Amino acid sequence: MFEKRSESGYRPALDGLNERPLVHGNKTLMTEFRLRKGAILPRHTHPHEQTGYLVRGRIRVSIGSETYEAGPATVGAFREGRTRRDILEDSVAVEVFAPARDDYLPGRT
């Protein structure tokens, strides 16, 4: 499966956070997130392993008692624990979930 970059297909995930599935296989899903300055992704957990790349912007990530401020070209892996993200600047992130998140697959809402 191959996809070309597109400006369409974004869906709201939370207030100030829009997501668009980029490509998926049987076991993984790659998603692009557009994150608006001031938005908060509240503490949450899910069964998916998650790796990500911050393309542009700046965010603060809290995992358990640790906090990290991420800027462009920062990569991260989130295996477990309750994470929270504060969006410090308008940002774009690309993240891969394994297994694929059914709720983010094309055609799902």
PDB file of N, CA and C in Angstrom:
ATOM      1  N   MET A   1       0.848  -1.171   0.000  1.00  0.00           N
ATOM      2  CA  MET A   1       0.000   0.000   0.000  1.00  0.00           C
ATOM      3  C   MET A   1       0.892   1.231   0.000  1.00  0.00           C
ATOM      4  N   PHE A   2       0.638   2.153  -0.919  1.00  0.00           N
ATOM      5  CA  PHE A   2       1.370   3.410  -0.997  1.00  0.00           C
ATOM      6  C   PHE A   2       0.360   4.547  -1.001  1.00  0.00           C
ATOM      7  N   GLU A   3       0.723   5.650  -0.391  1.00  0.00           N
ATOM      8  CA  GLU A   3      -0.139   6.826  -0.338  1.00  0.00           C
ATOM      9  C   GLU A   3       0.691   8.059  -0.640  1.00  0.00           C
ATOM     10  N   LYS A   4       0.087   9.036  -1.313  1.00  0.00           N
ATOM     11  CA  LYS A   4       0.734  10.329  -1.542  1.00  0.00           C
ATOM     12  C   LYS A   4       0.253  11.314  -0.492  1.00  0.00           C
ATOM     13  N   ARG A   5       1.094  12.247  -0.165  1.00  0.00           N
ATOM     14  CA  ARG A   5       0.766  13.299   0.797  1.00  0.00           C
ATOM     15  C   ARG A   5      -0.494  14.017   0.349  1.00  0.00           C
ATOM     16  N   SER A   6      -1.392  14.285   1.303  1.00  0.00           N
ATOM     17  CA  SER A   6      -2.654  14.943   1.005  1.00  0.00           C
ATOM     18  C   SER A   6      -3.039  15.837   2.167  1.00  0.00           C
ATOM     19  N   GLU A   7      -3.773  16.885   1.888  1.00  0.00           N
ATOM     20  CA  GLU A   7      -4.270  17.779   2.932  1.00  0.00           C
ATOM     21  C   GLU A   7      -5.666  17.368   3.400  1.00  0.00           C
ATOM     22  N   SER A   8      -6.227  16.328   2.831  1.00  0.00           N
ATOM     23  CA  SER A   8      -7.584  15.917   3.203  1.00  0.00           C
ATOM     24  C   SER A   8      -7.542  14.698   4.120  1.00  0.00           C
ATOM     25  N   GLY A   9      -8.676  14.392   4.711  1.00  0.00           N
ATOM     26  CA  GLY A   9      -8.816  13.190   5.499  1.00  0.00           C
ATOM     27  C   GLY A   9      -8.545  13.333   6.979  1.00  0.00           C
ATOM     28  N   TYR A  10      -8.310  14.552   7.470  1.00  0.00           N
ATOM     29  CA  TYR A  10      -8.075  14.750   8.902  1.00  0.00           C
ATOM     30  C   TYR A  10      -9.395  14.686   9.653  1.00  0.00           C
ATOM     31  N   ARG A  11      -9.359  14.048  10.825  1.00  0.00           N
ATOM     32  CA  ARG A  11     -10.540  13.950  11.682  1.00  0.00           C
ATOM     33  C   ARG A  11     -10.166  14.448  13.074  1.00  0.00           C
ATOM     34  N   PRO A  12     -11.125  15.076  13.758  1.00  0.00           N
ATOM     35  CA  PRO A  12     -10.820  15.495  15.126  1.00  0.00           C
ATOM     36  C   PRO A  12     -10.694  14.278  16.045  1.00  0.00           C
ATOM     37  N   ALA A  13      -9.620  14.259  16.822  1.00  0.00           N
ATOM     38  CA  ALA A  13      -9.440  13.227  17.838  1.00  0.00           C
ATOM     39  C   ALA A  13      -9.865  13.789  19.190  1.00  0.00           C
ATOM     40  N   LEU A  14      -9.434  15.004  19.472  1.00  0.00           N
ATOM     41  CA  LEU A  14      -9.813  15.784  20.655  1.00  0.00           C
ATOM     42  C   LEU A  14      -9.788  17.245  20.233  1.00  0.00           C
ATOM     43  N   ASP A  15     -10.250  18.123  21.085  1.00  0.00           N
ATOM     44  CA  ASP A  15     -10.206  19.544  20.775  1.00  0.00           C
ATOM     45  C   ASP A  15      -8.750  19.970  20.548  1.00  0.00           C
ATOM     46  N   GLY A  16      -8.463  20.478  19.362  1.00  0.00           N
ATOM     47  CA  GLY A  16      -7.111  20.928  19.042  1.00  0.00           C
ATOM     48  C   GLY A  16      -6.197  19.843  18.531  1.00  0.00           C
ATOM     49  N   LEU A  17      -6.690  18.619  18.380  1.00  0.00           N
ATOM     50  CA  LEU A  17      -5.888  17.510  17.866  1.00  0.00           C
ATOM     51  C   LEU A  17      -6.648  16.835  16.732  1.00  0.00           C
ATOM     52  N   ASN A  18      -6.069  16.871  15.542  1.00  0.00           N
ATOM     53  CA  ASN A  18      -6.661  16.214  14.382  1.00  0.00           C
ATOM     54  C   ASN A  18      -5.727  15.109  13.928  1.00  0.00           C
ATOM     55  N   GLU A  19      -6.305  13.993  13.508  1.00  0.00           N
ATOM     56  CA  GLU A  19      -5.507  12.852  13.057  1.00  0.00           C
ATOM     57  C   GLU A  19      -5.934  12.409  11.675  1.00  0.00           C
ATOM     58  N   ARG A  20      -4.959  11.819  10.979  1.00  0.00           N
ATOM     59  CA  ARG A  20      -5.232  11.263   9.654  1.00  0.00           C
ATOM     60  C   ARG A  20      -4.373  10.020   9.488  1.00  0.00           C
ATOM     61  N   PRO A  21      -5.009   8.871   9.251  1.00  0.00           N
ATOM     62  CA  PRO A  21      -4.209   7.673   8.992  1.00  0.00           C
ATOM     63  C   PRO A  21      -3.433   7.858   7.690  1.00  0.00           C
ATOM     64  N   LEU A  22      -2.144   7.545   7.712  1.00  0.00           N
ATOM     65  CA  LEU A  22      -1.316   7.668   6.516  1.00  0.00           C
ATOM     66  C   LEU A  22      -1.266   6.365   5.736  1.00  0.00           C
ATOM     67  N   VAL A  23      -0.952   5.288   6.449  1.00  0.00           N
ATOM     68  CA  VAL A  23      -0.856   3.977   5.816  1.00  0.00           C
ATOM     69  C   VAL A  23      -0.955   2.923   6.918  1.00  0.00           C
ATOM     70  N   HIS A  24      -1.474   1.759   6.582  1.00  0.00           N
ATOM     71  CA  HIS A  24      -1.573   0.703   7.582  1.00  0.00           C
ATOM     72  C   HIS A  24      -1.352  -0.646   6.934  1.00  0.00           C
ATOM     73  N   GLY A  25      -0.908  -1.582   7.770  1.00  0.00           N
ATOM     74  CA  GLY A  25      -0.746  -2.968   7.364  1.00  0.00           C
ATOM     75  C   GLY A  25      -1.596  -3.825   8.282  1.00  0.00           C
ATOM     76  N   ASN A  26      -1.288  -5.106   8.346  1.00  0.00           N
ATOM     77  CA  ASN A  26      -2.040  -6.001   9.220  1.00  0.00           C
ATOM     78  C   ASN A  26      -1.732  -5.768  10.694  1.00  0.00           C
ATOM     79  N   LYS A  27      -0.510  -5.280  10.999  1.00  0.00           N
ATOM     80  CA  LYS A  27      -0.093  -5.164  12.395  1.00  0.00           C
ATOM     81  C   LYS A  27       0.253  -3.747  12.826  1.00  0.00           C
ATOM     82  N   THR A  28       0.409  -2.816  11.912  1.00  0.00           N
ATOM     83  CA  THR A  28       0.802  -1.456  12.285  1.00  0.00           C
ATOM     84  C   THR A  28      -0.068  -0.416  11.574  1.00  0.00           C
ATOM     85  N   LEU A  29      -0.074   0.761  12.151  1.00  0.00           N
ATOM     86  CA  LEU A  29      -0.789   1.902  11.592  1.00  0.00           C
ATOM     87  C   LEU A  29       0.080   3.142  11.775  1.00  0.00           C
ATOM     88  N   MET A  30       0.310   3.895  10.706  1.00  0.00           N
ATOM     89  CA  MET A  30       1.041   5.158  10.776  1.00  0.00           C
ATOM     90  C   MET A  30       0.020   6.289  10.631  1.00  0.00           C
ATOM     91  N   THR A  31       0.048   7.224  11.581  1.00  0.00           N
ATOM     92  CA  THR A  31      -0.923   8.315  11.635  1.00  0.00           C
ATOM     93  C   THR A  31      -0.209   9.640  11.773  1.00  0.00           C
ATOM     94  N   GLU A  32      -0.735  10.656  11.089  1.00  0.00           N
ATOM     95  CA  GLU A  32      -0.215  12.017  11.253  1.00  0.00           C
ATOM     96  C   GLU A  32      -1.174  12.786  12.150  1.00  0.00           C
ATOM     97  N   PHE A  33      -0.607  13.513  13.105  1.00  0.00           N
ATOM     98  CA  PHE A  33      -1.386  14.341  14.004  1.00  0.00           C
ATOM     99  C   PHE A  33      -1.036  15.805  13.782  1.00  0.00           C
ATOM    100  N   ARG A  34      -2.052  16.634  13.695  1.00  0.00           N
ATOM    101  CA  ARG A  34      -1.880  18.088  13.699  1.00  0.00           C
ATOM    102  C   ARG A  34      -2.386  18.569  15.049  1.00  0.00           C
ATOM    103  N   LEU A  35      -1.520  19.246  15.768  1.00  0.00           N
ATOM    104  CA  LEU A  35      -1.767  19.612  17.153  1.00  0.00           C
ATOM    105  C   LEU A  35      -1.728  21.133  17.299  1.00  0.00           C
ATOM    106  N   ARG A  36      -2.768  21.700  17.853  1.00  0.00           N
ATOM    107  CA  ARG A  36      -2.867  23.160  17.987  1.00  0.00           C
ATOM    108  C   ARG A  36      -2.296  23.613  19.329  1.00  0.00           C
ATOM    109  N   LYS A  37      -1.541  24.699  19.301  1.00  0.00           N
ATOM    110  CA  LYS A  37      -0.958  25.289  20.504  1.00  0.00           C
ATOM    111  C   LYS A  37      -2.041  25.451  21.572  1.00  0.00           C
ATOM    112  N   GLY A  38      -1.725  25.037  22.803  1.00  0.00           N
ATOM    113  CA  GLY A  38      -2.652  25.142  23.921  1.00  0.00           C
ATOM    114  C   GLY A  38      -3.497  23.899  24.143  1.00  0.00           C
ATOM    115  N   ALA A  39      -3.535  23.009  23.170  1.00  0.00           N
ATOM    116  CA  ALA A  39      -4.320  21.775  23.327  1.00  0.00           C
ATOM    117  C   ALA A  39      -3.636  20.856  24.341  1.00  0.00           C
ATOM    118  N   ILE A  40      -4.425  20.026  24.973  1.00  0.00           N
ATOM    119  CA  ILE A  40      -3.906  19.068  25.949  1.00  0.00           C
ATOM    120  C   ILE A  40      -4.455  17.689  25.603  1.00  0.00           C
ATOM    121  N   LEU A  41      -3.563  16.738  25.535  1.00  0.00           N
ATOM    122  CA  LEU A  41      -3.953  15.337  25.414  1.00  0.00           C
ATOM    123  C   LEU A  41      -3.870  14.787  26.831  1.00  0.00           C
ATOM    124  N   PRO A  42      -5.024  14.621  27.508  1.00  0.00           N
ATOM    125  CA  PRO A  42      -5.003  14.239  28.922  1.00  0.00           C
ATOM    126  C   PRO A  42      -4.335  12.892  29.163  1.00  0.00           C
ATOM    127  N   ARG A  43      -3.946  12.657  30.404  1.00  0.00           N
ATOM    128  CA  ARG A  43      -3.314  11.379  30.758  1.00  0.00           C
ATOM    129  C   ARG A  43      -4.194  10.229  30.283  1.00  0.00           C
ATOM    130  N   HIS A  44      -3.574   9.291  29.617  1.00  0.00           N
ATOM    131  CA  HIS A  44      -4.307   8.152  29.084  1.00  0.00           C
ATOM    132  C   HIS A  44      -3.350   6.975  28.920  1.00  0.00           C
ATOM    133  N   THR A  45      -3.922   5.837  28.675  1.00  0.00           N
ATOM    134  CA  THR A  45      -3.141   4.648  28.376  1.00  0.00           C
ATOM    135  C   THR A  45      -3.920   3.826  27.361  1.00  0.00           C
ATOM    136  N   HIS A  46      -3.228   3.031  26.591  1.00  0.00           N
ATOM    137  CA  HIS A  46      -3.865   2.113  25.644  1.00  0.00           C
ATOM    138  C   HIS A  46      -2.951   0.920  25.448  1.00  0.00           C
ATOM    139  N   PRO A  47      -3.470  -0.162  24.916  1.00  0.00           N
ATOM    140  CA  PRO A  47      -2.660  -1.383  24.806  1.00  0.00           C
ATOM    141  C   PRO A  47      -1.654  -1.361  23.655  1.00  0.00           C
ATOM    142  N   HIS A  48      -1.655  -0.314  22.855  1.00  0.00           N
ATOM    143  CA  HIS A  48      -0.798  -0.261  21.678  1.00  0.00           C
ATOM    144  C   HIS A  48       0.592   0.266  22.025  1.00  0.00           C
ATOM    145  N   GLU A  49       1.613  -0.370  21.462  1.00  0.00           N
ATOM    146  CA  GLU A  49       2.938   0.229  21.510  1.00  0.00           C
ATOM    147  C   GLU A  49       2.914   1.389  20.530  1.00  0.00           C
ATOM    148  N   GLN A  50       3.563   2.479  20.877  1.00  0.00           N
ATOM    149  CA  GLN A  50       3.480   3.699  20.071  1.00  0.00           C
ATOM    150  C   GLN A  50       4.877   4.292  19.926  1.00  0.00           C
ATOM    151  N   THR A  51       5.282   4.544  18.687  1.00  0.00           N
ATOM    152  CA  THR A  51       6.527   5.255  18.424  1.00  0.00           C
ATOM    153  C   THR A  51       6.181   6.483  17.607  1.00  0.00           C
ATOM    154  N   GLY A  52       6.941   7.562  17.810  1.00  0.00           N
ATOM    155  CA  GLY A  52       6.586   8.794  17.127  1.00  0.00           C
ATOM    156  C   GLY A  52       7.774   9.648  16.764  1.00  0.00           C
ATOM    157  N   TYR A  53       7.516  10.572  15.846  1.00  0.00           N
ATOM    158  CA  TYR A  53       8.504  11.531  15.349  1.00  0.00           C
ATOM    159  C   TYR A  53       7.816  12.889  15.297  1.00  0.00           C
ATOM    160  N   LEU A  54       8.368  13.870  16.000  1.00  0.00           N
ATOM    161  CA  LEU A  54       7.812  15.222  15.966  1.00  0.00           C
ATOM    162  C   LEU A  54       8.414  15.945  14.774  1.00  0.00           C
ATOM    163  N   VAL A  55       7.594  16.200  13.764  1.00  0.00           N
ATOM    164  CA  VAL A  55       8.044  16.823  12.528  1.00  0.00           C
ATOM    165  C   VAL A  55       8.332  18.300  12.757  1.00  0.00           C
ATOM    166  N   ARG A  56       7.396  18.984  13.411  1.00  0.00           N
ATOM    167  CA  ARG A  56       7.613  20.410  13.724  1.00  0.00           C
ATOM    168  C   ARG A  56       6.793  20.774  14.953  1.00  0.00           C
ATOM    169  N   GLY A  57       7.216  21.852  15.595  1.00  0.00           N
ATOM    170  CA  GLY A  57       6.518  22.339  16.767  1.00  0.00           C
ATOM    171  C   GLY A  57       7.246  21.973  18.044  1.00  0.00           C
ATOM    172  N   ARG A  58       6.523  22.067  19.150  1.00  0.00           N
ATOM    173  CA  ARG A  58       7.091  21.791  20.468  1.00  0.00           C
ATOM    174  C   ARG A  58       5.978  21.291  21.371  1.00  0.00           C
ATOM    175  N   ILE A  59       6.245  20.192  22.067  1.00  0.00           N
ATOM    176  CA  ILE A  59       5.262  19.623  22.994  1.00  0.00           C
ATOM    177  C   ILE A  59       5.969  19.201  24.283  1.00  0.00           C
ATOM    178  N   ARG A  60       5.207  19.111  25.351  1.00  0.00           N
ATOM    179  CA  ARG A  60       5.702  18.578  26.625  1.00  0.00           C
ATOM    180  C   ARG A  60       5.013  17.242  26.836  1.00  0.00           C
ATOM    181  N   VAL A  61       5.811  16.201  27.052  1.00  0.00           N
ATOM    182  CA  VAL A  61       5.290  14.852  27.241  1.00  0.00           C
ATOM    183  C   VAL A  61       5.574  14.416  28.672  1.00  0.00           C
ATOM    184  N   SER A  62       4.541  13.947  29.358  1.00  0.00           N
ATOM    185  CA  SER A  62       4.705  13.411  30.710  1.00  0.00           C
ATOM    186  C   SER A  62       4.325  11.942  30.691  1.00  0.00           C
ATOM    187  N   ILE A  63       5.235  11.109  31.192  1.00  0.00           N
ATOM    188  CA  ILE A  63       4.997   9.679  31.313  1.00  0.00           C
ATOM    189  C   ILE A  63       5.293   9.324  32.759  1.00  0.00           C
ATOM    190  N   GLY A  64       4.270   8.924  33.488  1.00  0.00           N
ATOM    191  CA  GLY A  64       4.458   8.675  34.915  1.00  0.00           C
ATOM    192  C   GLY A  64       4.918   9.960  35.585  1.00  0.00           C
ATOM    193  N   SER A  65       6.059   9.929  36.268  1.00  0.00           N
ATOM    194  CA  SER A  65       6.575  11.112  36.953  1.00  0.00           C
ATOM    195  C   SER A  65       7.624  11.858  36.132  1.00  0.00           C
ATOM    196  N   GLU A  66       7.945  11.366  34.935  1.00  0.00           N
ATOM    197  CA  GLU A  66       8.946  12.014  34.087  1.00  0.00           C
ATOM    198  C   GLU A  66       8.289  12.950  33.088  1.00  0.00           C
ATOM    199  N   THR A  67       8.953  14.100  32.841  1.00  0.00           N
ATOM    200  CA  THR A  67       8.470  15.066  31.854  1.00  0.00           C
ATOM    201  C   THR A  67       9.610  15.392  30.897  1.00  0.00           C
ATOM    202  N   TYR A  68       9.272  15.489  29.600  1.00  0.00           N
ATOM    203  CA  TYR A  68      10.262  15.769  28.575  1.00  0.00           C
ATOM    204  C   TYR A  68       9.681  16.801  27.614  1.00  0.00           C
ATOM    205  N   GLU A  69      10.485  17.812  27.272  1.00  0.00           N
ATOM    206  CA  GLU A  69      10.047  18.788  26.279  1.00  0.00           C
ATOM    207  C   GLU A  69      10.658  18.416  24.932  1.00  0.00           C
ATOM    208  N   ALA A  70       9.805  18.190  23.956  1.00  0.00           N
ATOM    209  CA  ALA A  70      10.235  17.712  22.642  1.00  0.00           C
ATOM    210  C   ALA A  70      10.119  18.826  21.613  1.00  0.00           C
ATOM    211  N   GLY A  71      11.107  18.898  20.725  1.00  0.00           N
ATOM    212  CA  GLY A  71      11.105  19.834  19.613  1.00  0.00           C
ATOM    213  C   GLY A  71      11.223  19.077  18.307  1.00  0.00           C
ATOM    214  N   PRO A  72      11.359  19.803  17.190  1.00  0.00           N
ATOM    215  CA  PRO A  72      11.441  19.146  15.883  1.00  0.00           C
ATOM    216  C   PRO A  72      12.528  18.072  15.837  1.00  0.00           C
ATOM    217  N   ALA A  73      12.217  16.993  15.174  1.00  0.00           N
ATOM    218  CA  ALA A  73      13.099  15.848  14.953  1.00  0.00           C
ATOM    219  C   ALA A  73      13.294  15.001  16.208  1.00  0.00           C
ATOM    220  N   THR A  74      12.464  15.190  17.229  1.00  0.00           N
ATOM    221  CA  THR A  74      12.512  14.335  18.414  1.00  0.00           C
ATOM    222  C   THR A  74      11.737  13.056  18.130  1.00  0.00           C
ATOM    223  N   VAL A  75      12.289  11.933  18.554  1.00  0.00           N
ATOM    224  CA  VAL A  75      11.603  10.647  18.421  1.00  0.00           C
ATOM    225  C   VAL A  75      11.334  10.093  19.809  1.00  0.00           C
ATOM    226  N   GLY A  76      10.311   9.251  19.921  1.00  0.00           N
ATOM    227  CA  GLY A  76       9.992   8.672  21.216  1.00  0.00           C
ATOM    228  C   GLY A  76       9.264   7.356  21.060  1.00  0.00           C
ATOM    229  N   ALA A  77       9.310   6.559  22.114  1.00  0.00           N
ATOM    230  CA  ALA A  77       8.581   5.295  22.169  1.00  0.00           C
ATOM    231  C   ALA A  77       7.815   5.263  23.472  1.00  0.00           C
ATOM    232  N   PHE A  78       6.547   4.893  23.396  1.00  0.00           N
ATOM    233  CA  PHE A  78       5.675   4.840  24.557  1.00  0.00           C
ATOM    234  C   PHE A  78       5.139   3.425  24.663  1.00  0.00           C
ATOM    235  N   ARG A  79       5.675   2.673  25.590  1.00  0.00           N
ATOM    236  CA  ARG A  79       5.281   1.275  25.721  1.00  0.00           C
ATOM    237  C   ARG A  79       4.196   1.075  26.755  1.00  0.00           C
ATOM    238  N   GLU A  80       4.260   1.837  27.823  1.00  0.00           N
ATOM    239  CA  GLU A  80       3.278   1.651  28.886  1.00  0.00           C
ATOM    240  C   GLU A  80       3.272   2.884  29.759  1.00  0.00           C
ATOM    241  N   GLY A  81       2.327   2.954  30.622  1.00  0.00           N
ATOM    242  CA  GLY A  81       2.231   4.089  31.526  1.00  0.00           C
ATOM    243  C   GLY A  81       1.241   5.114  31.011  1.00  0.00           C
ATOM    244  N   ARG A  82       0.806   5.951  31.907  1.00  0.00           N
ATOM    245  CA  ARG A  82      -0.172   6.973  31.557  1.00  0.00           C
ATOM    246  C   ARG A  82       0.575   8.192  31.032  1.00  0.00           C
ATOM    247  N   THR A  83       0.320   8.564  29.784  1.00  0.00           N
ATOM    248  CA  THR A  83       0.996   9.705  29.188  1.00  0.00           C
ATOM    249  C   THR A  83       0.053  10.897  29.077  1.00  0.00           C
ATOM    250  N   ARG A  84       0.644  12.079  29.110  1.00  0.00           N
ATOM    251  CA  ARG A  84      -0.076  13.336  28.907  1.00  0.00           C
ATOM    252  C   ARG A  84       0.797  14.174  27.989  1.00  0.00           C
ATOM    253  N   ARG A  85       0.145  14.955  27.115  1.00  0.00           N
ATOM    254  CA  ARG A  85       0.887  15.857  26.236  1.00  0.00           C
ATOM    255  C   ARG A  85       0.270  17.240  26.285  1.00  0.00           C
ATOM    256  N   ASP A  86       1.133  18.235  26.482  1.00  0.00           N
ATOM    257  CA  ASP A  86       0.734  19.635  26.409  1.00  0.00           C
ATOM    258  C   ASP A  86       1.359  20.202  25.142  1.00  0.00           C
ATOM    259  N   ILE A  87       0.536  20.798  24.291  1.00  0.00           N
ATOM    260  CA  ILE A  87       1.020  21.309  23.012  1.00  0.00           C
ATOM    261  C   ILE A  87       1.466  22.749  23.220  1.00  0.00           C
ATOM    262  N   LEU A  88       2.784  22.996  23.107  1.00  0.00           N
ATOM    263  CA  LEU A  88       3.362  24.303  23.385  1.00  0.00           C
ATOM    264  C   LEU A  88       3.391  25.208  22.164  1.00  0.00           C
ATOM    265  N   GLU A  89       3.421  24.624  20.974  1.00  0.00           N
ATOM    266  CA  GLU A  89       3.380  25.344  19.695  1.00  0.00           C
ATOM    267  C   GLU A  89       2.544  24.500  18.731  1.00  0.00           C
ATOM    268  N   ASP A  90       1.989  25.124  17.701  1.00  0.00           N
ATOM    269  CA  ASP A  90       1.352  24.332  16.652  1.00  0.00           C
ATOM    270  C   ASP A  90       2.370  23.290  16.199  1.00  0.00           C
ATOM    271  N   SER A  91       1.940  22.039  16.115  1.00  0.00           N
ATOM    272  CA  SER A  91       2.876  20.938  15.886  1.00  0.00           C
ATOM    273  C   SER A  91       2.303  19.913  14.920  1.00  0.00           C
ATOM    274  N   VAL A  92       3.210  19.152  14.330  1.00  0.00           N
ATOM    275  CA  VAL A  92       2.851  18.011  13.493  1.00  0.00           C
ATOM    276  C   VAL A  92       3.689  16.828  13.970  1.00  0.00           C
ATOM    277  N   ALA A  93       3.027  15.710  14.233  1.00  0.00           N
ATOM    278  CA  ALA A  93       3.708  14.488  14.669  1.00  0.00           C
ATOM    279  C   ALA A  93       3.242  13.322  13.812  1.00  0.00           C
ATOM    280  N   VAL A  94       4.140  12.390  13.559  1.00  0.00           N
ATOM    281  CA  VAL A  94       3.806  11.147  12.868  1.00  0.00           C
ATOM    282  C   VAL A  94       4.063  10.022  13.864  1.00  0.00           C
ATOM    283  N   GLU A  95       3.054   9.170  14.058  1.00  0.00           N
ATOM    284  CA  GLU A  95       3.168   8.103  15.049  1.00  0.00           C
ATOM    285  C   GLU A  95       2.743   6.766  14.452  1.00  0.00           C
ATOM    286  N   VAL A  96       3.395   5.722  14.925  1.00  0.00           N
ATOM    287  CA  VAL A  96       3.092   4.359  14.493  1.00  0.00           C
ATOM    288  C   VAL A  96       2.560   3.599  15.699  1.00  0.00           C
ATOM    289  N   PHE A  97       1.453   2.896  15.500  1.00  0.00           N
ATOM    290  CA  PHE A  97       0.825   2.090  16.544  1.00  0.00           C
ATOM    291  C   PHE A  97       0.889   0.614  16.156  1.00  0.00           C
ATOM    292  N   ALA A  98       1.239  -0.227  17.141  1.00  0.00           N
ATOM    293  CA  ALA A  98       1.230  -1.671  16.930  1.00  0.00           C
ATOM    294  C   ALA A  98       0.595  -2.317  18.157  1.00  0.00           C
ATOM    295  N   PRO A  99      -0.422  -3.134  17.994  1.00  0.00           N
ATOM    296  CA  PRO A  99      -1.102  -3.400  16.735  1.00  0.00           C
ATOM    297  C   PRO A  99      -1.819  -2.154  16.224  1.00  0.00           C
ATOM    298  N   ALA A 100      -2.275  -2.213  14.985  1.00  0.00           N
ATOM    299  CA  ALA A 100      -2.999  -1.094  14.388  1.00  0.00           C
ATOM    300  C   ALA A 100      -4.212  -0.743  15.240  1.00  0.00           C
ATOM    301  N   ARG A 101      -4.448   0.556  15.418  1.00  0.00           N
ATOM    302  CA  ARG A 101      -5.619   1.011  16.181  1.00  0.00           C
ATOM    303  C   ARG A 101      -6.841   0.993  15.281  1.00  0.00           C
ATOM    304  N   ASP A 102      -7.801   0.155  15.598  1.00  0.00           N
ATOM    305  CA  ASP A 102      -9.019   0.081  14.794  1.00  0.00           C
ATOM    306  C   ASP A 102      -9.747   1.413  14.735  1.00  0.00           C
ATOM    307  N   ASP A 103      -9.721   2.187  15.829  1.00  0.00           N
ATOM    308  CA  ASP A 103     -10.464   3.450  15.863  1.00  0.00           C
ATOM    309  C   ASP A 103      -9.859   4.520  14.968  1.00  0.00           C
ATOM    310  N   TYR A 104      -8.627   4.346  14.497  1.00  0.00           N
ATOM    311  CA  TYR A 104      -7.985   5.322  13.603  1.00  0.00           C
ATOM    312  C   TYR A 104      -7.958   4.857  12.138  1.00  0.00           C
ATOM    313  N   LEU A 105      -8.368   3.632  11.884  1.00  0.00           N
ATOM    314  CA  LEU A 105      -8.312   3.116  10.503  1.00  0.00           C
ATOM    315  C   LEU A 105      -9.264   3.883   9.598  1.00  0.00           C
ATOM    316  N   PRO A 106      -8.924   4.020   8.320  1.00  0.00           N
ATOM    317  CA  PRO A 106      -9.818   4.719   7.386  1.00  0.00           C
ATOM    318  C   PRO A 106     -11.213   4.104   7.398  1.00  0.00           C
ATOM    319  N   GLY A 107     -12.218   4.974   7.354  1.00  0.00           N
ATOM    320  CA  GLY A 107     -13.591   4.522   7.341  1.00  0.00           C
ATOM    321  C   GLY A 107     -14.182   4.330   8.717  1.00  0.00           C
ATOM    322  N   ARG A 108     -13.369   4.497   9.770  1.00  0.00           N
ATOM    323  CA  ARG A 108     -13.856   4.357  11.144  1.00  0.00           C
ATOM    324  C   ARG A 108     -13.966   5.737  11.771  1.00  0.00           C
ATOM    325  N   THR A 109     -14.873   5.897  12.693  1.00  0.00           N
ATOM    326  CA  THR A 109     -15.005   7.167  13.406  1.00  0.00           C
ATOM    327  C   THR A 109     -15.002   6.933  14.890  1.00  0.00           C
TER     328      THR A 109
END
